[in-house]
Every structure is written in structure tokens, then in C-alpha cells.
PDB file of all heavy atoms in Angstrom:
ATOM      1  N   VAL A   1      -5.484 -10.754   4.272  1.00  0.00           N
ATOM      2  CA  VAL A   1      -5.994  -9.400   4.208  1.00  0.00           C
ATOM      3  C   VAL A   1      -7.505  -9.491   4.305  1.00  0.00           C
ATOM      4  O   VAL A   1      -8.137 -10.245   3.573  1.00  0.00           O
ATOM      5  CB  VAL A   1      -5.577  -8.712   2.891  1.00  0.00           C
ATOM      6  CG1 VAL A   1      -6.131  -7.309   2.818  1.00  0.00           C
ATOM      7  CG2 VAL A   1      -4.066  -8.687   2.759  1.00  0.00           C
ATOM      8  N   GLU A   2      -8.085  -8.765   5.253  1.00  0.00           N
ATOM      9  CA  GLU A   2      -9.532  -8.805   5.424  1.00  0.00           C
ATOM     10  C   GLU A   2     -10.211  -8.297   4.161  1.00  0.00           C
ATOM     11  O   GLU A   2      -9.730  -7.378   3.501  1.00  0.00           O
ATOM     12  CB  GLU A   2      -9.957  -7.958   6.613  1.00  0.00           C
ATOM     13  CG  GLU A   2      -9.535  -8.555   7.943  1.00  0.00           C
ATOM     14  CD  GLU A   2     -10.032  -7.751   9.122  1.00  0.00           C
ATOM     15  OE1 GLU A   2     -10.846  -6.832   8.945  1.00  0.00           O
ATOM     16  OE2 GLU A   2      -9.600  -8.060  10.238  1.00  0.00           O
ATOM     17  N   GLU A   3     -11.336  -8.898   3.819  1.00  0.00           N
ATOM     18  CA  GLU A   3     -12.075  -8.549   2.601  1.00  0.00           C
ATOM     19  C   GLU A   3     -12.350  -7.057   2.520  1.00  0.00           C
ATOM     20  O   GLU A   3     -12.184  -6.442   1.477  1.00  0.00           O
ATOM     21  CB  GLU A   3     -13.391  -9.337   2.548  1.00  0.00           C
ATOM     22  CG  GLU A   3     -14.086  -9.250   1.210  1.00  0.00           C
ATOM     23  CD  GLU A   3     -13.306  -9.884   0.074  1.00  0.00           C
ATOM     24  OE1 GLU A   3     -12.674 -10.931   0.279  1.00  0.00           O
ATOM     25  OE2 GLU A   3     -13.329  -9.307  -1.031  1.00  0.00           O
ATOM     26  N   SER A   4     -12.738  -6.455   3.639  1.00  0.00           N
ATOM     27  CA  SER A   4     -13.067  -5.025   3.641  1.00  0.00           C
ATOM     28  C   SER A   4     -11.849  -4.144   3.408  1.00  0.00           C
ATOM     29  O   SER A   4     -11.978  -2.982   3.060  1.00  0.00           O
ATOM     30  CB  SER A   4     -13.734  -4.641   4.954  1.00  0.00           C
ATOM     31  OG  SER A   4     -12.844  -4.858   6.036  1.00  0.00           O
ATOM     32  N   ASN A   5     -10.645  -4.697   3.605  1.00  0.00           N
ATOM     33  CA  ASN A   5      -9.433  -3.898   3.445  1.00  0.00           C
ATOM     34  C   ASN A   5      -8.726  -4.130   2.112  1.00  0.00           C
ATOM     35  O   ASN A   5      -7.732  -3.490   1.829  1.00  0.00           O
ATOM     36  CB  ASN A   5      -8.464  -4.190   4.582  1.00  0.00           C
ATOM     37  CG  ASN A   5      -8.983  -3.642   5.888  1.00  0.00           C
ATOM     38  OD1 ASN A   5      -9.366  -2.483   5.962  1.00  0.00           O
ATOM     39  ND2 ASN A   5      -9.035  -4.469   6.893  1.00  0.00           N
ATOM     40  N   LYS A   6      -9.239  -5.072   1.297  1.00  0.00           N
ATOM     41  CA  LYS A   6      -8.576  -5.368   0.026  1.00  0.00           C
ATOM     42  C   LYS A   6      -8.556  -4.163  -0.893  1.00  0.00           C
ATOM     43  O   LYS A   6      -7.607  -3.967  -1.633  1.00  0.00           O
ATOM     44  CB  LYS A   6      -9.214  -6.571  -0.658  1.00  0.00           C
ATOM     45  CG  LYS A   6      -8.823  -7.874   0.002  1.00  0.00           C
ATOM     46  CD  LYS A   6      -9.345  -9.057  -0.760  1.00  0.00           C
ATOM     47  CE  LYS A   6      -8.925 -10.340  -0.073  1.00  0.00           C
ATOM     48  NZ  LYS A   6      -9.393 -11.521  -0.787  1.00  0.00           N
ATOM     49  N   SER A   7      -9.593  -3.348  -0.862  1.00  0.00           N
ATOM     50  CA  SER A   7      -9.588  -2.160  -1.716  1.00  0.00           C
ATOM     51  C   SER A   7      -8.882  -0.994  -1.031  1.00  0.00           C
ATOM     52  O   SER A   7      -8.386  -0.101  -1.697  1.00  0.00           O
ATOM     53  CB  SER A   7     -11.002  -1.768  -2.114  1.00  0.00           C
ATOM     54  OG  SER A   7     -11.761  -1.472  -0.972  1.00  0.00           O
ATOM     55  N   ARG A   8      -8.803  -1.024   0.289  1.00  0.00           N
ATOM     56  CA  ARG A   8      -8.126   0.055   1.002  1.00  0.00           C
ATOM     57  C   ARG A   8      -6.613  -0.051   0.851  1.00  0.00           C
ATOM     58  O   ARG A   8      -5.936   0.926   0.560  1.00  0.00           O
ATOM     59  CB  ARG A   8      -8.489   0.050   2.485  1.00  0.00           C
ATOM     60  CG  ARG A   8      -7.751   1.142   3.222  1.00  0.00           C
ATOM     61  CD  ARG A   8      -8.138   1.286   4.649  1.00  0.00           C
ATOM     62  NE  ARG A   8      -7.382   2.403   5.207  1.00  0.00           N
ATOM     63  CZ  ARG A   8      -7.706   3.027   6.298  1.00  0.00           C
ATOM     64  NH1 ARG A   8      -8.777   2.672   6.966  1.00  0.00           N
ATOM     65  NH2 ARG A   8      -6.964   4.014   6.747  1.00  0.00           N
ATOM     66  N   TYR A   9      -6.071  -1.237   1.079  1.00  0.00           N
ATOM     67  CA  TYR A   9      -4.627  -1.451   0.980  1.00  0.00           C
ATOM     68  C   TYR A   9      -4.340  -2.187  -0.320  1.00  0.00           C
ATOM     69  O   TYR A   9      -4.847  -3.283  -0.529  1.00  0.00           O
ATOM     70  CB  TYR A   9      -4.113  -2.250   2.173  1.00  0.00           C
ATOM     71  CG  TYR A   9      -4.325  -1.523   3.470  1.00  0.00           C
ATOM     72  CD1 TYR A   9      -5.401  -1.816   4.282  1.00  0.00           C
ATOM     73  CD2 TYR A   9      -3.448  -0.519   3.870  1.00  0.00           C
ATOM     74  CE1 TYR A   9      -5.605  -1.138   5.470  1.00  0.00           C
ATOM     75  CE2 TYR A   9      -3.642   0.170   5.055  1.00  0.00           C
ATOM     76  CZ  TYR A   9      -4.725  -0.146   5.851  1.00  0.00           C
ATOM     77  OH  TYR A   9      -4.924   0.530   7.019  1.00  0.00           O
ATOM     78  N   GLN A  10      -3.541  -1.568  -1.162  1.00  0.00           N
ATOM     79  CA  GLN A  10      -3.268  -2.163  -2.461  1.00  0.00           C
ATOM     80  C   GLN A  10      -1.771  -2.249  -2.709  1.00  0.00           C
ATOM     81  O   GLN A  10      -1.012  -1.355  -2.328  1.00  0.00           O
ATOM     82  CB  GLN A  10      -3.931  -1.348  -3.563  1.00  0.00           C
ATOM     83  CG  GLN A  10      -5.437  -1.355  -3.466  1.00  0.00           C
ATOM     84  CD  GLN A  10      -6.097  -0.591  -4.586  1.00  0.00           C
ATOM     85  OE1 GLN A  10      -5.471  -0.183  -5.556  1.00  0.00           O
ATOM     86  NE2 GLN A  10      -7.398  -0.393  -4.458  1.00  0.00           N
ATOM     87  N   LEU A  11      -1.396  -3.340  -3.360  1.00  0.00           N
ATOM     88  CA  LEU A  11      -0.010  -3.546  -3.764  1.00  0.00           C
ATOM     89  C   LEU A  11       0.150  -2.969  -5.155  1.00  0.00           C
ATOM     90  O   LEU A  11      -0.638  -3.258  -6.049  1.00  0.00           O
ATOM     91  CB  LEU A  11       0.319  -5.041  -3.766  1.00  0.00           C
ATOM     92  CG  LEU A  11       1.727  -5.408  -4.215  1.00  0.00           C
ATOM     93  CD1 LEU A  11       2.761  -4.957  -3.177  1.00  0.00           C
ATOM     94  CD2 LEU A  11       1.832  -6.906  -4.449  1.00  0.00           C
ATOM     95  N   ARG A  12       1.171  -2.150  -5.325  1.00  0.00           N
ATOM     96  CA  ARG A  12       1.462  -1.547  -6.624  1.00  0.00           C
ATOM     97  C   ARG A  12       2.947  -1.718  -6.922  1.00  0.00           C
ATOM     98  O   ARG A  12       3.771  -1.826  -6.011  1.00  0.00           O
ATOM     99  CB  ARG A  12       1.131  -0.046  -6.628  1.00  0.00           C
ATOM    100  CG  ARG A  12      -0.309   0.286  -6.344  1.00  0.00           C
ATOM    101  CD  ARG A  12      -1.188  -0.100  -7.526  1.00  0.00           C
ATOM    102  NE  ARG A  12      -2.599   0.049  -7.247  1.00  0.00           N
ATOM    103  CZ  ARG A  12      -3.317   1.134  -7.479  1.00  0.00           C
ATOM    104  NH1 ARG A  12      -2.746   2.203  -7.981  1.00  0.00           N
ATOM    105  NH2 ARG A  12      -4.593   1.150  -7.193  1.00  0.00           N
ATOM    106  N   PHE A  13       3.273  -1.722  -8.211  1.00  0.00           N
ATOM    107  CA  PHE A  13       4.662  -1.773  -8.641  1.00  0.00           C
ATOM    108  C   PHE A  13       4.950  -0.490  -9.403  1.00  0.00           C
ATOM    109  O   PHE A  13       4.291  -0.194 -10.399  1.00  0.00           O
ATOM    110  CB  PHE A  13       4.920  -2.992  -9.543  1.00  0.00           C
ATOM    111  CG  PHE A  13       6.361  -3.162  -9.919  1.00  0.00           C
ATOM    112  CD1 PHE A  13       7.268  -3.685  -9.014  1.00  0.00           C
ATOM    113  CD2 PHE A  13       6.813  -2.778 -11.164  1.00  0.00           C
ATOM    114  CE1 PHE A  13       8.607  -3.844  -9.346  1.00  0.00           C
ATOM    115  CE2 PHE A  13       8.148  -2.931 -11.512  1.00  0.00           C
ATOM    116  CZ  PHE A  13       9.043  -3.463 -10.603  1.00  0.00           C
ATOM    117  N   ALA A  14       5.904   0.301  -8.910  1.00  0.00           N
ATOM    118  CA  ALA A  14       6.255   1.573  -9.549  1.00  0.00           C
ATOM    119  C   ALA A  14       7.702   1.900  -9.242  1.00  0.00           C
ATOM    120  O   ALA A  14       8.203   1.582  -8.157  1.00  0.00           O
ATOM    121  CB  ALA A  14       5.351   2.695  -9.046  1.00  0.00           C
ATOM    122  N   ALA A  15       8.350   2.507 -10.195  1.00  0.00           N
ATOM    123  CA  ALA A  15       9.742   2.944 -10.032  1.00  0.00           C
ATOM    124  C   ALA A  15      10.651   1.780  -9.631  1.00  0.00           C
ATOM    125  O   ALA A  15      11.574   1.937  -8.845  1.00  0.00           O
ATOM    126  CB  ALA A  15       9.842   4.088  -9.027  1.00  0.00           C
ATOM    127  N   GLY A  16      10.360   0.591 -10.156  1.00  0.00           N
ATOM    128  CA  GLY A  16      11.198  -0.570  -9.886  1.00  0.00           C
ATOM    129  C   GLY A  16      11.029  -1.181  -8.511  1.00  0.00           C
ATOM    130  O   GLY A  16      11.822  -2.021  -8.113  1.00  0.00           O
ATOM    131  N   GLU A  17       9.982  -0.774  -7.770  1.00  0.00           N
ATOM    132  CA  GLU A  17       9.756  -1.292  -6.427  1.00  0.00           C
ATOM    133  C   GLU A  17       8.282  -1.633  -6.231  1.00  0.00           C
ATOM    134  O   GLU A  17       7.417  -1.081  -6.893  1.00  0.00           O
ATOM    135  CB  GLU A  17      10.135  -0.254  -5.364  1.00  0.00           C
ATOM    136  CG  GLU A  17      11.613   0.014  -5.268  1.00  0.00           C
ATOM    137  CD  GLU A  17      11.943   0.904  -4.088  1.00  0.00           C
ATOM    138  OE1 GLU A  17      11.530   0.556  -2.961  1.00  0.00           O
ATOM    139  OE2 GLU A  17      12.588   1.926  -4.293  1.00  0.00           O
ATOM    140  N   TYR A  18       8.041  -2.538  -5.284  1.00  0.00           N
ATOM    141  CA  TYR A  18       6.676  -2.835  -4.865  1.00  0.00           C
ATOM    142  C   TYR A  18       6.325  -1.932  -3.694  1.00  0.00           C
ATOM    143  O   TYR A  18       7.159  -1.686  -2.822  1.00  0.00           O
ATOM    144  CB  TYR A  18       6.552  -4.297  -4.423  1.00  0.00           C
ATOM    145  CG  TYR A  18       6.626  -5.274  -5.564  1.00  0.00           C
ATOM    146  CD1 TYR A  18       7.820  -5.913  -5.870  1.00  0.00           C
ATOM    147  CD2 TYR A  18       5.503  -5.571  -6.329  1.00  0.00           C
ATOM    148  CE1 TYR A  18       7.894  -6.819  -6.927  1.00  0.00           C
ATOM    149  CE2 TYR A  18       5.564  -6.469  -7.374  1.00  0.00           C
ATOM    150  CZ  TYR A  18       6.759  -7.089  -7.666  1.00  0.00           C
ATOM    151  OH  TYR A  18       6.826  -7.976  -8.702  1.00  0.00           O
ATOM    152  N   TRP A  19       5.080  -1.471  -3.690  1.00  0.00           N
ATOM    153  CA  TRP A  19       4.606  -0.572  -2.649  1.00  0.00           C
ATOM    154  C   TRP A  19       3.238  -1.027  -2.166  1.00  0.00           C
ATOM    155  O   TRP A  19       2.405  -1.430  -2.972  1.00  0.00           O
ATOM    156  CB  TRP A  19       4.452   0.850  -3.189  1.00  0.00           C
ATOM    157  CG  TRP A  19       5.701   1.422  -3.754  1.00  0.00           C
ATOM    158  CD1 TRP A  19       6.133   1.334  -5.045  1.00  0.00           C
ATOM    159  CD2 TRP A  19       6.696   2.154  -3.060  1.00  0.00           C
ATOM    160  NE1 TRP A  19       7.332   1.975  -5.183  1.00  0.00           N
ATOM    161  CE2 TRP A  19       7.705   2.492  -3.985  1.00  0.00           C
ATOM    162  CE3 TRP A  19       6.832   2.570  -1.739  1.00  0.00           C
ATOM    163  CZ2 TRP A  19       8.828   3.217  -3.632  1.00  0.00           C
ATOM    164  CZ3 TRP A  19       7.960   3.298  -1.383  1.00  0.00           C
ATOM    165  CH2 TRP A  19       8.934   3.611  -2.327  1.00  0.00           C
ATOM    166  N   ILE A  20       2.996  -0.922  -0.867  1.00  0.00           N
ATOM    167  CA  ILE A  20       1.664  -1.120  -0.331  1.00  0.00           C
ATOM    168  C   ILE A  20       1.162   0.267   0.053  1.00  0.00           C
ATOM    169  O   ILE A  20       1.812   0.988   0.814  1.00  0.00           O
ATOM    170  CB  ILE A  20       1.659  -2.073   0.874  1.00  0.00           C
ATOM    171  CG1 ILE A  20       2.102  -3.457   0.402  1.00  0.00           C
ATOM    172  CG2 ILE A  20       0.277  -2.117   1.519  1.00  0.00           C
ATOM    173  CD1 ILE A  20       2.265  -4.464   1.497  1.00  0.00           C
ATOM    174  N   LEU A  21       0.024   0.616  -0.515  1.00  0.00           N
ATOM    175  CA  LEU A  21      -0.531   1.944  -0.313  1.00  0.00           C
ATOM    176  C   LEU A  21      -1.852   1.874   0.424  1.00  0.00           C
ATOM    177  O   LEU A  21      -2.659   0.979   0.188  1.00  0.00           O
ATOM    178  CB  LEU A  21      -0.794   2.627  -1.661  1.00  0.00           C
ATOM    179  CG  LEU A  21       0.432   2.982  -2.487  1.00  0.00           C
ATOM    180  CD1 LEU A  21       0.803   1.844  -3.386  1.00  0.00           C
ATOM    181  CD2 LEU A  21       0.157   4.207  -3.292  1.00  0.00           C
ATOM    182  N   ASP A  22      -2.064   2.844   1.312  1.00  0.00           N
ATOM    183  CA  ASP A  22      -3.354   3.029   1.958  1.00  0.00           C
ATOM    184  C   ASP A  22      -4.137   3.957   1.047  1.00  0.00           C
ATOM    185  O   ASP A  22      -3.824   5.139   0.935  1.00  0.00           O
ATOM    186  CB  ASP A  22      -3.161   3.638   3.345  1.00  0.00           C
ATOM    187  CG  ASP A  22      -4.469   3.830   4.099  1.00  0.00           C
ATOM    188  OD1 ASP A  22      -5.548   3.712   3.479  1.00  0.00           O
ATOM    189  OD2 ASP A  22      -4.404   4.097   5.307  1.00  0.00           O
ATOM    190  N   MET A  23      -5.159   3.430   0.383  1.00  0.00           N
ATOM    191  CA  MET A  23      -5.915   4.191  -0.604  1.00  0.00           C
ATOM    192  C   MET A  23      -7.003   5.059   0.029  1.00  0.00           C
ATOM    193  O   MET A  23      -7.663   5.814  -0.665  1.00  0.00           O
ATOM    194  CB  MET A  23      -6.541   3.233  -1.623  1.00  0.00           C
ATOM    195  CG  MET A  23      -5.537   2.315  -2.298  1.00  0.00           C
ATOM    196  SD  MET A  23      -4.213   3.179  -3.171  1.00  0.00           S
ATOM    197  CE  MET A  23      -5.123   3.816  -4.562  1.00  0.00           C
ATOM    198  N   VAL A  24      -7.173   4.954   1.347  1.00  0.00           N
ATOM    199  CA  VAL A  24      -8.200   5.734   2.036  1.00  0.00           C
ATOM    200  C   VAL A  24      -7.529   6.556   3.134  1.00  0.00           C
ATOM    201  O   VAL A  24      -7.614   6.239   4.309  1.00  0.00           O
ATOM    202  CB  VAL A  24      -9.296   4.815   2.633  1.00  0.00           C
ATOM    203  CG1 VAL A  24     -10.407   5.651   3.263  1.00  0.00           C
ATOM    204  CG2 VAL A  24      -9.859   3.892   1.579  1.00  0.00           C
ATOM    205  N   GLN A  25      -6.836   7.573   2.717  1.00  0.00           N
ATOM    206  CA  GLN A  25      -6.157   8.449   3.677  1.00  0.00           C
ATOM    207  C   GLN A  25      -7.178   9.396   4.282  1.00  0.00           C
ATOM    208  O   GLN A  25      -7.983   9.989   3.569  1.00  0.00           O
ATOM    209  CB  GLN A  25      -5.073   9.257   2.971  1.00  0.00           C
ATOM    210  CG  GLN A  25      -3.975   8.412   2.382  1.00  0.00           C
ATOM    211  CD  GLN A  25      -2.878   8.108   3.388  1.00  0.00           C
ATOM    212  OE1 GLN A  25      -2.726   8.791   4.386  1.00  0.00           O
ATOM    213  NE2 GLN A  25      -2.109   7.081   3.102  1.00  0.00           N
ATOM    214  N   GLU A  26      -7.154   9.535   5.578  1.00  0.00           N
ATOM    215  CA  GLU A  26      -8.110  10.405   6.256  1.00  0.00           C
ATOM    216  C   GLU A  26      -7.384  11.587   6.884  1.00  0.00           C
ATOM    217  O   GLU A  26      -7.247  11.662   8.107  1.00  0.00           O
ATOM    218  CB  GLU A  26      -8.892   9.612   7.284  1.00  0.00           C
ATOM    219  CG  GLU A  26      -9.749   8.519   6.647  1.00  0.00           C
ATOM    220  CD  GLU A  26     -10.544   7.734   7.657  1.00  0.00           C
ATOM    221  OE1 GLU A  26     -10.548   8.087   8.849  1.00  0.00           O
ATOM    222  OE2 GLU A  26     -11.166   6.754   7.230  1.00  0.00           O
ATOM    223  N   GLY A  27      -6.937  12.492   6.043  1.00  0.00           N
ATOM    224  CA  GLY A  27      -6.322  13.716   6.539  1.00  0.00           C
ATOM    225  C   GLY A  27      -4.882  13.546   6.974  1.00  0.00           C
ATOM    226  O   GLY A  27      -4.140  12.736   6.469  1.00  0.00           O
ATOM    227  N   ILE A  28      -4.519  14.314   7.959  1.00  0.00           N
ATOM    228  CA  ILE A  28      -3.141  14.379   8.430  1.00  0.00           C
ATOM    229  C   ILE A  28      -3.022  13.488   9.657  1.00  0.00           C
ATOM    230  O   ILE A  28      -3.941  13.449  10.482  1.00  0.00           O
ATOM    231  CB  ILE A  28      -2.786  15.836   8.759  1.00  0.00           C
ATOM    232  CG1 ILE A  28      -2.910  16.655   7.469  1.00  0.00           C
ATOM    233  CG2 ILE A  28      -1.414  15.962   9.358  1.00  0.00           C
ATOM    234  CD1 ILE A  28      -2.743  18.135   7.635  1.00  0.00           C
ATOM    235  N   PRO A  29      -1.949  12.779   9.867  1.00  0.00           N
ATOM    236  CA  PRO A  29      -0.746  12.793   9.047  1.00  0.00           C
ATOM    237  C   PRO A  29      -0.882  11.869   7.838  1.00  0.00           C
ATOM    238  O   PRO A  29      -1.602  10.876   7.873  1.00  0.00           O
ATOM    239  CB  PRO A  29       0.337  12.260   9.987  1.00  0.00           C
ATOM    240  CG  PRO A  29      -0.394  11.331  10.896  1.00  0.00           C
ATOM    241  CD  PRO A  29      -1.784  11.928  11.048  1.00  0.00           C
ATOM    242  N   TYR A  30      -0.186  12.228   6.787  1.00  0.00           N
ATOM    243  CA  TYR A  30      -0.155  11.426   5.575  1.00  0.00           C
ATOM    244  C   TYR A  30       0.633  10.148   5.839  1.00  0.00           C
ATOM    245  O   TYR A  30       1.711  10.196   6.420  1.00  0.00           O
ATOM    246  CB  TYR A  30       0.510  12.221   4.445  1.00  0.00           C
ATOM    247  CG  TYR A  30       0.811  11.397   3.223  1.00  0.00           C
ATOM    248  CD1 TYR A  30      -0.219  10.986   2.385  1.00  0.00           C
ATOM    249  CD2 TYR A  30       2.111  11.025   2.912  1.00  0.00           C
ATOM    250  CE1 TYR A  30       0.049  10.224   1.258  1.00  0.00           C
ATOM    251  CE2 TYR A  30       2.387  10.263   1.791  1.00  0.00           C
ATOM    252  CZ  TYR A  30       1.350   9.868   0.969  1.00  0.00           C
ATOM    253  OH  TYR A  30       1.607   9.116  -0.143  1.00  0.00           O
ATOM    254  N   MET A  31       0.085   9.013   5.447  1.00  0.00           N
ATOM    255  CA  MET A  31       0.767   7.747   5.617  1.00  0.00           C
ATOM    256  C   MET A  31       1.507   7.409   4.322  1.00  0.00           C
ATOM    257  O   MET A  31       0.883   7.212   3.282  1.00  0.00           O
ATOM    258  CB  MET A  31      -0.205   6.620   5.956  1.00  0.00           C
ATOM    259  CG  MET A  31       0.503   5.318   6.261  1.00  0.00           C
ATOM    260  SD  MET A  31      -0.614   3.945   6.570  1.00  0.00           S
ATOM    261  CE  MET A  31      -1.323   4.429   8.124  1.00  0.00           C
ATOM    262  N   LYS A  32       2.828   7.408   4.411  1.00  0.00           N
ATOM    263  CA  LYS A  32       3.642   7.106   3.236  1.00  0.00           C
ATOM    264  C   LYS A  32       3.440   5.658   2.806  1.00  0.00           C
ATOM    265  O   LYS A  32       3.192   4.788   3.645  1.00  0.00           O
ATOM    266  CB  LYS A  32       5.129   7.317   3.543  1.00  0.00           C
ATOM    267  CG  LYS A  32       5.490   8.736   3.856  1.00  0.00           C
ATOM    268  CD  LYS A  32       6.964   8.829   4.170  1.00  0.00           C
ATOM    269  CE  LYS A  32       7.335  10.239   4.557  1.00  0.00           C
ATOM    270  NZ  LYS A  32       8.757  10.349   4.897  1.00  0.00           N
ATOM    271  N   PRO A  33       3.562   5.387   1.497  1.00  0.00           N
ATOM    272  CA  PRO A  33       3.496   3.999   1.040  1.00  0.00           C
ATOM    273  C   PRO A  33       4.616   3.174   1.676  1.00  0.00           C
ATOM    274  O   PRO A  33       5.681   3.697   2.000  1.00  0.00           O
ATOM    275  CB  PRO A  33       3.699   4.103  -0.469  1.00  0.00           C
ATOM    276  CG  PRO A  33       3.371   5.515  -0.808  1.00  0.00           C
ATOM    277  CD  PRO A  33       3.736   6.320   0.400  1.00  0.00           C
ATOM    278  N   LEU A  34       4.357   1.892   1.844  1.00  0.00           N
ATOM    279  CA  LEU A  34       5.319   0.975   2.432  1.00  0.00           C
ATOM    280  C   LEU A  34       6.016   0.213   1.315  1.00  0.00           C
ATOM    281  O   LEU A  34       5.370  -0.473   0.529  1.00  0.00           O
ATOM    282  CB  LEU A  34       4.598   0.000   3.364  1.00  0.00           C
ATOM    283  CG  LEU A  34       5.436  -1.073   4.033  1.00  0.00           C
ATOM    284  CD1 LEU A  34       6.452  -0.444   4.977  1.00  0.00           C
ATOM    285  CD2 LEU A  34       4.542  -2.031   4.790  1.00  0.00           C
ATOM    286  N   SER A  35       7.325   0.341   1.237  1.00  0.00           N
ATOM    287  CA  SER A  35       8.106  -0.367   0.232  1.00  0.00           C
ATOM    288  C   SER A  35       8.340  -1.803   0.689  1.00  0.00           C
ATOM    289  O   SER A  35       8.717  -2.038   1.841  1.00  0.00           O
ATOM    290  CB  SER A  35       9.455   0.338   0.034  1.00  0.00           C
ATOM    291  OG  SER A  35      10.265  -0.392  -0.865  1.00  0.00           O
ATOM    292  N   VAL A  36       8.066  -2.774  -0.197  1.00  0.00           N
ATOM    293  CA  VAL A  36       8.306  -4.181   0.104  1.00  0.00           C
ATOM    294  C   VAL A  36       9.104  -4.808  -1.032  1.00  0.00           C
ATOM    295  O   VAL A  36       9.034  -4.359  -2.169  1.00  0.00           O
ATOM    296  CB  VAL A  36       6.992  -4.961   0.345  1.00  0.00           C
ATOM    297  CG1 VAL A  36       6.247  -4.400   1.540  1.00  0.00           C
ATOM    298  CG2 VAL A  36       6.103  -4.966  -0.869  1.00  0.00           C
ATOM    299  N   ASN A  37       9.840  -5.865  -0.693  1.00  0.00           N
ATOM    300  CA  ASN A  37      10.629  -6.534  -1.720  1.00  0.00           C
ATOM    301  C   ASN A  37       9.768  -7.553  -2.476  1.00  0.00           C
ATOM    302  O   ASN A  37       8.573  -7.706  -2.220  1.00  0.00           O
ATOM    303  CB  ASN A  37      11.885  -7.174  -1.119  1.00  0.00           C
ATOM    304  CG  ASN A  37      11.572  -8.255  -0.106  1.00  0.00           C
ATOM    305  OD1 ASN A  37      10.481  -8.803  -0.054  1.00  0.00           O
ATOM    306  ND2 ASN A  37      12.558  -8.578   0.725  1.00  0.00           N
ATOM    307  N   GLU A  38      10.394  -8.275  -3.389  1.00  0.00           N
ATOM    308  CA  GLU A  38       9.688  -9.243  -4.224  1.00  0.00           C
ATOM    309  C   GLU A  38       9.012 -10.336  -3.398  1.00  0.00           C
ATOM    310  O   GLU A  38       7.887 -10.750  -3.687  1.00  0.00           O
ATOM    311  CB  GLU A  38      10.681  -9.871  -5.204  1.00  0.00           C
ATOM    312  CG  GLU A  38      10.082 -10.879  -6.140  1.00  0.00           C
ATOM    313  CD  GLU A  38      11.115 -11.482  -7.079  1.00  0.00           C
ATOM    314  OE1 GLU A  38      12.093 -10.801  -7.433  1.00  0.00           O
ATOM    315  OE2 GLU A  38      10.930 -12.650  -7.458  1.00  0.00           O
ATOM    316  N   VAL A  39       9.692 -10.789  -2.362  1.00  0.00           N
ATOM    317  CA  VAL A  39       9.125 -11.837  -1.507  1.00  0.00           C
ATOM    318  C   VAL A  39       7.923 -11.281  -0.733  1.00  0.00           C
ATOM    319  O   VAL A  39       6.886 -11.940  -0.621  1.00  0.00           O
ATOM    320  CB  VAL A  39      10.178 -12.423  -0.548  1.00  0.00           C
ATOM    321  CG1 VAL A  39       9.552 -13.421   0.413  1.00  0.00           C
ATOM    322  CG2 VAL A  39      11.307 -13.071  -1.336  1.00  0.00           C
ATOM    323  N   GLY A  40       8.049 -10.074  -0.216  1.00  0.00           N
ATOM    324  CA  GLY A  40       6.924  -9.446   0.474  1.00  0.00           C
ATOM    325  C   GLY A  40       5.725  -9.288  -0.452  1.00  0.00           C
ATOM    326  O   GLY A  40       4.589  -9.529  -0.050  1.00  0.00           O
ATOM    327  N   ALA A  41       5.984  -8.913  -1.692  1.00  0.00           N
ATOM    328  CA  ALA A  41       4.903  -8.779  -2.668  1.00  0.00           C
ATOM    329  C   ALA A  41       4.248 -10.130  -2.936  1.00  0.00           C
ATOM    330  O   ALA A  41       3.018 -10.233  -3.029  1.00  0.00           O
ATOM    331  CB  ALA A  41       5.433  -8.175  -3.966  1.00  0.00           C
TER     332      ALA A  41
END
């Protein structure tokens, strides 16, 4: 992950799943979080 994108794309664990979120959404369309499994995390 590029250094400049480490704060933009973040791995989170919520509702029993891992998610990669784009923390810098720029309007429409909304980019849904990406669900990943334990190995992906």
C-alpha cells in the first residue's frame, strides 16, 4: 500500500467482518466498503 494511501484506505473490523474503506470519498458515486476475509485482512 503506497504511503500516501495508508490513511485513505483503511482496514476495519465491524459486524464480524473485515472491511477496506475509502476514507476520502469525493462525492457521487459512493464507494461501498470492500468486504475481505481473514486471509485478505
